[in-house]
Amino acid sequence: MEEDSILGKYFEKYVPARGPAETKGGEIVRAANRIAYRYFNDGDRVGVGYGNETCNAPARYLMSVCDNRVKKAVSSLWGVRLDSEYGDRLLRFKQAVIEYLGEHPEVFDEKNTMDMWNFREAEDRDYEDEDY
């Protein structure tokens, strides 16, 4: 997919092997990649089961620093259980993030002052495991 290639190039350039990115743009890419990676590798979804622990903080981070288009795309992922529906929404989410980054290249020069994991909430660890 073209979105994966574009996000992958951003990831290689701006996201360190460990910890928060040096730039705001890098941290945005780190958070978006986390959400996509967890779904495609482990089936985790934002707001569902173990995805609460692995995806909710990155989702909240994106909602706090990006525009309404990205916020809506993130919100559309929250709590979706069907694979086909989540996959379609995830594609639109990645497209929204890529468009945002393309329209705001200055975020790759802006020093990052946040860590996406600081957006964890108590509810992210208080969930029931679900069988799919």
N, C-alpha and C. Protein backbone atom coordinates (compact mmCIF):
# COMPACT_ATOMS: atom_id res chain seq x y z
N MET A 1 0.84 -1.19 0.00
CA MET A 1 0.00 0.00 0.00
C MET A 1 0.88 1.26 0.00
N GLU A 2 0.46 2.22 -0.71
CA GLU A 2 1.21 3.46 -0.80
C GLU A 2 1.35 4.13 0.57
N GLU A 3 0.28 4.09 1.38
CA GLU A 3 0.31 4.72 2.70
C GLU A 3 1.41 4.12 3.57
N ASP A 4 1.55 2.78 3.50
CA ASP A 4 2.57 2.11 4.30
C ASP A 4 3.96 2.54 3.88
N SER A 5 4.16 2.70 2.57
CA SER A 5 5.45 3.12 2.05
C SER A 5 5.79 4.54 2.51
N ILE A 6 4.82 5.43 2.43
CA ILE A 6 5.05 6.82 2.84
C ILE A 6 5.32 6.89 4.33
N LEU A 7 4.46 6.26 5.14
CA LEU A 7 4.68 6.27 6.59
C LEU A 7 5.99 5.58 6.94
N GLY A 8 6.34 4.53 6.21
CA GLY A 8 7.59 3.82 6.45
C GLY A 8 8.80 4.71 6.23
N LYS A 9 8.77 5.51 5.19
CA LYS A 9 9.88 6.44 4.92
C LYS A 9 9.99 7.49 6.02
N TYR A 10 8.84 8.02 6.44
CA TYR A 10 8.85 8.97 7.56
C TYR A 10 9.39 8.30 8.82
N PHE A 11 8.95 7.07 9.05
CA PHE A 11 9.36 6.34 10.25
C PHE A 11 10.87 6.15 10.28
N GLU A 12 11.43 5.69 9.17
CA GLU A 12 12.88 5.47 9.10
C GLU A 12 13.67 6.74 9.36
N LYS A 13 13.15 7.85 8.87
CA LYS A 13 13.88 9.11 8.96
C LYS A 13 13.72 9.81 10.31
N TYR A 14 12.54 9.71 10.93
CA TYR A 14 12.25 10.56 12.09
C TYR A 14 12.00 9.85 13.41
N VAL A 15 11.89 8.52 13.40
CA VAL A 15 11.56 7.82 14.64
C VAL A 15 12.77 7.02 15.11
N PRO A 16 13.20 7.26 16.36
CA PRO A 16 14.35 6.52 16.89
C PRO A 16 13.98 5.08 17.23
N ALA A 17 14.99 4.26 17.45
CA ALA A 17 14.76 2.86 17.80
C ALA A 17 14.02 2.73 19.13
N ARG A 18 14.23 3.67 20.02
CA ARG A 18 13.57 3.65 21.33
C ARG A 18 13.21 5.06 21.76
N GLY A 19 12.12 5.15 22.47
CA GLY A 19 11.72 6.42 23.07
C GLY A 19 11.08 7.38 22.09
N PRO A 20 10.72 8.54 22.63
CA PRO A 20 10.04 9.57 21.82
C PRO A 20 10.92 10.10 20.70
N ALA A 21 10.28 10.58 19.67
CA ALA A 21 10.98 11.19 18.54
C ALA A 21 11.49 12.58 18.94
N GLU A 22 12.49 13.04 18.23
CA GLU A 22 13.06 14.36 18.50
C GLU A 22 12.15 15.48 18.01
N THR A 23 11.35 15.21 16.97
CA THR A 23 10.48 16.24 16.41
C THR A 23 9.02 15.86 16.62
N LYS A 24 8.18 16.87 16.59
CA LYS A 24 6.74 16.64 16.70
C LYS A 24 6.25 15.75 15.56
N GLY A 25 6.74 16.00 14.35
CA GLY A 25 6.35 15.17 13.22
C GLY A 25 6.75 13.72 13.42
N GLY A 26 7.93 13.50 13.96
CA GLY A 26 8.38 12.14 14.24
C GLY A 26 7.49 11.45 15.25
N GLU A 27 7.05 12.17 16.26
CA GLU A 27 6.18 11.58 17.28
C GLU A 27 4.80 11.28 16.71
N ILE A 28 4.33 12.11 15.79
CA ILE A 28 3.06 11.84 15.11
C ILE A 28 3.19 10.55 14.30
N VAL A 29 4.28 10.40 13.58
CA VAL A 29 4.51 9.19 12.80
C VAL A 29 4.64 7.98 13.73
N ARG A 30 5.34 8.14 14.82
CA ARG A 30 5.50 7.05 15.80
C ARG A 30 4.15 6.58 16.31
N ALA A 31 3.27 7.51 16.65
CA ALA A 31 1.95 7.17 17.19
C ALA A 31 1.08 6.50 16.11
N ALA A 32 1.08 7.05 14.91
CA ALA A 32 0.28 6.47 13.82
C ALA A 32 0.77 5.06 13.49
N ASN A 33 2.08 4.90 13.45
CA ASN A 33 2.65 3.60 13.15
C ASN A 33 2.30 2.58 14.23
N ARG A 34 2.30 3.02 15.47
CA ARG A 34 1.96 2.12 16.58
C ARG A 34 0.55 1.56 16.40
N ILE A 35 -0.39 2.42 16.08
CA ILE A 35 -1.78 1.99 15.90
C ILE A 35 -1.89 1.00 14.75
N ALA A 36 -1.27 1.30 13.62
CA ALA A 36 -1.34 0.41 12.46
C ALA A 36 -0.60 -0.90 12.73
N TYR A 37 0.59 -0.81 13.29
CA TYR A 37 1.40 -2.00 13.57
C TYR A 37 0.67 -2.97 14.49
N ARG A 38 0.07 -2.45 15.56
CA ARG A 38 -0.60 -3.32 16.52
C ARG A 38 -1.78 -4.05 15.88
N TYR A 39 -2.47 -3.41 14.97
CA TYR A 39 -3.58 -4.08 14.29
C TYR A 39 -3.06 -5.16 13.34
N PHE A 40 -2.12 -4.82 12.50
CA PHE A 40 -1.67 -5.76 11.48
C PHE A 40 -0.82 -6.90 12.04
N ASN A 41 -0.19 -6.70 13.17
CA ASN A 41 0.65 -7.74 13.74
C ASN A 41 0.00 -8.53 14.86
N ASP A 42 -0.90 -7.89 15.62
CA ASP A 42 -1.48 -8.55 16.79
C ASP A 42 -3.00 -8.47 16.84
N GLY A 43 -3.60 -7.75 15.91
CA GLY A 43 -5.06 -7.63 15.90
C GLY A 43 -5.61 -6.64 16.90
N ASP A 44 -4.74 -5.85 17.55
CA ASP A 44 -5.19 -4.87 18.53
C ASP A 44 -5.92 -3.73 17.84
N ARG A 45 -6.98 -3.25 18.51
CA ARG A 45 -7.77 -2.14 17.99
C ARG A 45 -7.89 -1.06 19.06
N VAL A 46 -7.96 0.17 18.62
CA VAL A 46 -8.15 1.29 19.53
C VAL A 46 -9.47 1.09 20.28
N GLY A 47 -9.39 1.11 21.61
CA GLY A 47 -10.60 1.05 22.43
C GLY A 47 -11.24 -0.31 22.57
N VAL A 48 -10.52 -1.37 22.18
CA VAL A 48 -11.09 -2.72 22.27
C VAL A 48 -10.08 -3.66 22.94
N GLY A 49 -10.48 -4.31 24.03
CA GLY A 49 -9.65 -5.32 24.68
C GLY A 49 -8.24 -4.83 24.97
N TYR A 50 -7.26 -5.66 24.63
CA TYR A 50 -5.86 -5.32 24.87
C TYR A 50 -5.41 -4.08 24.08
N GLY A 51 -6.15 -3.76 23.03
CA GLY A 51 -5.86 -2.53 22.29
C GLY A 51 -5.99 -1.29 23.15
N ASN A 52 -6.77 -1.38 24.23
CA ASN A 52 -6.84 -0.25 25.16
C ASN A 52 -5.44 0.09 25.68
N GLU A 53 -4.69 -0.95 26.00
CA GLU A 53 -3.36 -0.76 26.56
C GLU A 53 -2.32 -0.38 25.51
N THR A 54 -2.46 -0.95 24.31
CA THR A 54 -1.43 -0.76 23.29
C THR A 54 -1.68 0.39 22.31
N CYS A 55 -2.94 0.82 22.20
CA CYS A 55 -3.28 1.80 21.16
C CYS A 55 -3.93 3.09 21.65
N ASN A 56 -4.57 3.06 22.81
CA ASN A 56 -5.33 4.24 23.24
C ASN A 56 -4.45 5.46 23.47
N ALA A 57 -3.31 5.31 24.12
CA ALA A 57 -2.45 6.47 24.38
C ALA A 57 -1.97 7.11 23.07
N PRO A 58 -1.45 6.33 22.11
CA PRO A 58 -1.08 6.95 20.83
C PRO A 58 -2.26 7.63 20.14
N ALA A 59 -3.44 7.04 20.25
CA ALA A 59 -4.63 7.64 19.63
C ALA A 59 -4.95 8.99 20.29
N ARG A 60 -4.91 9.03 21.62
CA ARG A 60 -5.18 10.29 22.32
C ARG A 60 -4.13 11.34 21.98
N TYR A 61 -2.88 10.92 21.88
CA TYR A 61 -1.82 11.87 21.51
C TYR A 61 -2.15 12.51 20.16
N LEU A 62 -2.47 11.68 19.16
CA LEU A 62 -2.78 12.21 17.83
C LEU A 62 -3.96 13.16 17.87
N MET A 63 -4.96 12.82 18.67
CA MET A 63 -6.14 13.69 18.77
C MET A 63 -5.79 15.02 19.43
N SER A 64 -4.74 15.04 20.23
CA SER A 64 -4.38 16.28 20.92
C SER A 64 -3.49 17.21 20.10
N VAL A 65 -2.78 16.66 19.10
CA VAL A 65 -1.81 17.50 18.37
C VAL A 65 -2.14 17.72 16.90
N CYS A 66 -3.07 16.95 16.36
CA CYS A 66 -3.37 17.05 14.92
C CYS A 66 -4.67 17.81 14.68
N ASP A 67 -4.99 18.00 13.41
CA ASP A 67 -6.19 18.75 13.04
C ASP A 67 -7.45 17.88 13.14
N ASN A 68 -8.59 18.50 12.87
CA ASN A 68 -9.88 17.82 12.99
C ASN A 68 -10.01 16.61 12.07
N ARG A 69 -9.41 16.66 10.91
CA ARG A 69 -9.47 15.51 9.99
C ARG A 69 -8.85 14.28 10.63
N VAL A 70 -7.68 14.45 11.26
CA VAL A 70 -7.02 13.32 11.93
C VAL A 70 -7.80 12.92 13.17
N LYS A 71 -8.30 13.90 13.91
CA LYS A 71 -9.11 13.59 15.09
C LYS A 71 -10.31 12.74 14.73
N LYS A 72 -11.00 13.10 13.65
CA LYS A 72 -12.17 12.32 13.20
C LYS A 72 -11.75 10.91 12.77
N ALA A 73 -10.63 10.81 12.08
CA ALA A 73 -10.15 9.50 11.63
C ALA A 73 -9.80 8.61 12.82
N VAL A 74 -9.17 9.19 13.84
CA VAL A 74 -8.84 8.43 15.05
C VAL A 74 -10.13 8.04 15.77
N SER A 75 -11.03 8.98 15.93
CA SER A 75 -12.30 8.70 16.61
C SER A 75 -13.07 7.59 15.92
N SER A 76 -12.97 7.53 14.60
CA SER A 76 -13.71 6.51 13.85
C SER A 76 -13.19 5.10 14.13
N LEU A 77 -11.97 4.98 14.64
CA LEU A 77 -11.39 3.67 14.95
C LEU A 77 -11.85 3.15 16.32
N TRP A 78 -12.20 4.06 17.21
CA TRP A 78 -12.44 3.73 18.61
C TRP A 78 -13.60 2.73 18.76
N GLY A 79 -13.27 1.57 19.30
CA GLY A 79 -14.29 0.59 19.65
C GLY A 79 -14.80 -0.27 18.50
N VAL A 80 -14.25 -0.15 17.30
CA VAL A 80 -14.71 -0.95 16.16
C VAL A 80 -14.18 -2.37 16.30
N ARG A 81 -15.08 -3.34 16.20
CA ARG A 81 -14.71 -4.74 16.41
C ARG A 81 -14.59 -5.55 15.11
N LEU A 82 -15.29 -5.16 14.08
CA LEU A 82 -15.26 -5.91 12.83
C LEU A 82 -13.97 -5.64 12.06
N ASP A 83 -13.29 -6.71 11.64
CA ASP A 83 -12.04 -6.56 10.91
C ASP A 83 -12.19 -5.73 9.65
N SER A 84 -13.21 -6.03 8.85
CA SER A 84 -13.35 -5.32 7.57
C SER A 84 -13.61 -3.83 7.80
N GLU A 85 -14.42 -3.53 8.77
CA GLU A 85 -14.72 -2.12 9.06
C GLU A 85 -13.50 -1.41 9.63
N TYR A 86 -12.80 -2.06 10.56
CA TYR A 86 -11.62 -1.44 11.16
C TYR A 86 -10.53 -1.25 10.10
N GLY A 87 -10.34 -2.25 9.24
CA GLY A 87 -9.34 -2.13 8.19
C GLY A 87 -9.60 -0.96 7.26
N ASP A 88 -10.85 -0.77 6.87
CA ASP A 88 -11.21 0.36 6.01
C ASP A 88 -10.96 1.69 6.72
N ARG A 89 -11.36 1.75 7.97
CA ARG A 89 -11.15 2.99 8.73
C ARG A 89 -9.68 3.25 8.99
N LEU A 90 -8.91 2.19 9.19
CA LEU A 90 -7.48 2.34 9.41
C LEU A 90 -6.80 2.92 8.17
N LEU A 91 -7.23 2.49 7.00
CA LEU A 91 -6.69 3.05 5.75
C LEU A 91 -6.99 4.54 5.67
N ARG A 92 -8.22 4.94 5.98
CA ARG A 92 -8.58 6.37 5.95
C ARG A 92 -7.79 7.14 7.02
N PHE A 93 -7.56 6.51 8.16
CA PHE A 93 -6.76 7.12 9.23
C PHE A 93 -5.34 7.40 8.73
N LYS A 94 -4.70 6.41 8.11
CA LYS A 94 -3.34 6.59 7.62
C LYS A 94 -3.29 7.68 6.55
N GLN A 95 -4.30 7.70 5.67
CA GLN A 95 -4.36 8.74 4.64
C GLN A 95 -4.47 10.12 5.28
N ALA A 96 -5.28 10.25 6.32
CA ALA A 96 -5.47 11.53 6.99
C ALA A 96 -4.16 12.00 7.63
N VAL A 97 -3.43 11.08 8.24
CA VAL A 97 -2.14 11.43 8.87
C VAL A 97 -1.15 11.87 7.80
N ILE A 98 -1.07 11.14 6.70
CA ILE A 98 -0.14 11.50 5.63
C ILE A 98 -0.49 12.86 5.04
N GLU A 99 -1.78 13.13 4.83
CA GLU A 99 -2.19 14.44 4.32
C GLU A 99 -1.81 15.54 5.32
N TYR A 100 -2.05 15.29 6.59
CA TYR A 100 -1.70 16.28 7.61
C TYR A 100 -0.20 16.58 7.57
N LEU A 101 0.62 15.54 7.53
CA LEU A 101 2.07 15.74 7.50
C LEU A 101 2.51 16.47 6.24
N GLY A 102 1.87 16.17 5.12
CA GLY A 102 2.20 16.85 3.87
C GLY A 102 1.83 18.32 3.89
N GLU A 103 0.75 18.64 4.57
CA GLU A 103 0.29 20.03 4.66
C GLU A 103 1.01 20.82 5.75
N HIS A 104 1.66 20.11 6.67
CA HIS A 104 2.35 20.75 7.80
C HIS A 104 3.78 20.22 7.93
N PRO A 105 4.61 20.43 6.91
CA PRO A 105 5.98 19.90 6.98
C PRO A 105 6.80 20.51 8.11
N GLU A 106 6.36 21.64 8.62
CA GLU A 106 7.08 22.29 9.72
C GLU A 106 7.14 21.43 10.98
N VAL A 107 6.22 20.46 11.11
CA VAL A 107 6.24 19.61 12.31
C VAL A 107 7.50 18.77 12.39
N PHE A 108 8.17 18.57 11.25
CA PHE A 108 9.41 17.80 11.26
C PHE A 108 10.61 18.65 11.69
N ASP A 109 10.40 19.95 11.83
CA ASP A 109 11.43 20.85 12.35
C ASP A 109 11.15 21.27 13.78
N GLU A 110 9.91 21.06 14.21
CA GLU A 110 9.49 21.48 15.55
C GLU A 110 9.95 20.48 16.60
N LYS A 111 10.65 20.98 17.63
CA LYS A 111 11.14 20.10 18.69
C LYS A 111 9.97 19.43 19.40
N ASN A 112 10.09 18.15 19.60
CA ASN A 112 9.05 17.40 20.30
C ASN A 112 9.21 17.57 21.81
N THR A 113 8.11 17.85 22.49
CA THR A 113 8.13 18.01 23.94
C THR A 113 7.22 17.00 24.63
N MET A 114 6.65 16.06 23.87
CA MET A 114 5.71 15.09 24.44
C MET A 114 6.11 13.66 24.07
N ASP A 115 5.62 12.74 24.88
CA ASP A 115 5.75 11.32 24.61
C ASP A 115 4.34 10.77 24.49
N MET A 116 4.04 10.07 23.42
CA MET A 116 2.68 9.56 23.22
C MET A 116 2.21 8.72 24.40
N TRP A 117 3.13 8.06 25.10
CA TRP A 117 2.74 7.20 26.23
C TRP A 117 2.30 7.99 27.43
N ASN A 118 2.56 9.29 27.46
CA ASN A 118 2.06 10.13 28.55
C ASN A 118 0.56 10.37 28.45
N PHE A 119 -0.06 9.87 27.39
CA PHE A 119 -1.50 10.03 27.20
C PHE A 119 -2.29 8.80 27.67
N ARG A 120 -1.64 7.94 28.44
CA ARG A 120 -2.33 6.79 29.04
C ARG A 120 -3.29 7.28 30.10
N GLU A 121 -4.37 6.55 30.24
CA GLU A 121 -5.34 6.80 31.31
C GLU A 121 -5.58 5.50 32.05
N ALA A 122 -6.08 5.60 33.27
CA ALA A 122 -6.29 4.42 34.11
C ALA A 122 -7.16 3.39 33.40
N GLU A 123 -8.16 3.84 32.67
CA GLU A 123 -9.08 2.92 31.99
C GLU A 123 -8.38 2.05 30.95
N ASP A 124 -7.21 2.47 30.49
CA ASP A 124 -6.49 1.70 29.48
C ASP A 124 -5.98 0.36 30.03
N ARG A 125 -5.87 0.27 31.33
CA ARG A 125 -5.39 -0.97 31.94
C ARG A 125 -6.52 -1.77 32.58
N ASP A 126 -7.70 -1.21 32.60
CA ASP A 126 -8.85 -1.85 33.22
C ASP A 126 -9.84 -2.25 32.14
N TYR A 127 -9.62 -3.41 31.57
CA TYR A 127 -10.47 -3.88 30.49
C TYR A 127 -10.61 -5.40 30.61
N GLU A 128 -11.60 -5.93 29.95
CA GLU A 128 -11.79 -7.37 29.93
C GLU A 128 -11.19 -7.92 28.64
N ASP A 129 -10.43 -9.01 28.78
CA ASP A 129 -9.96 -9.69 27.58
C ASP A 129 -11.15 -10.28 26.86
N GLU A 130 -11.10 -10.21 25.57
CA GLU A 130 -12.22 -10.70 24.78
C GLU A 130 -11.73 -11.77 23.83
N ASP A 131 -12.55 -12.75 23.61
CA ASP A 131 -12.24 -13.77 22.61
C ASP A 131 -12.82 -13.32 21.29
N TYR A 132 -12.02 -13.41 20.25
CA TYR A 132 -12.49 -13.02 18.92
C TYR A 132 -12.78 -14.26 18.12
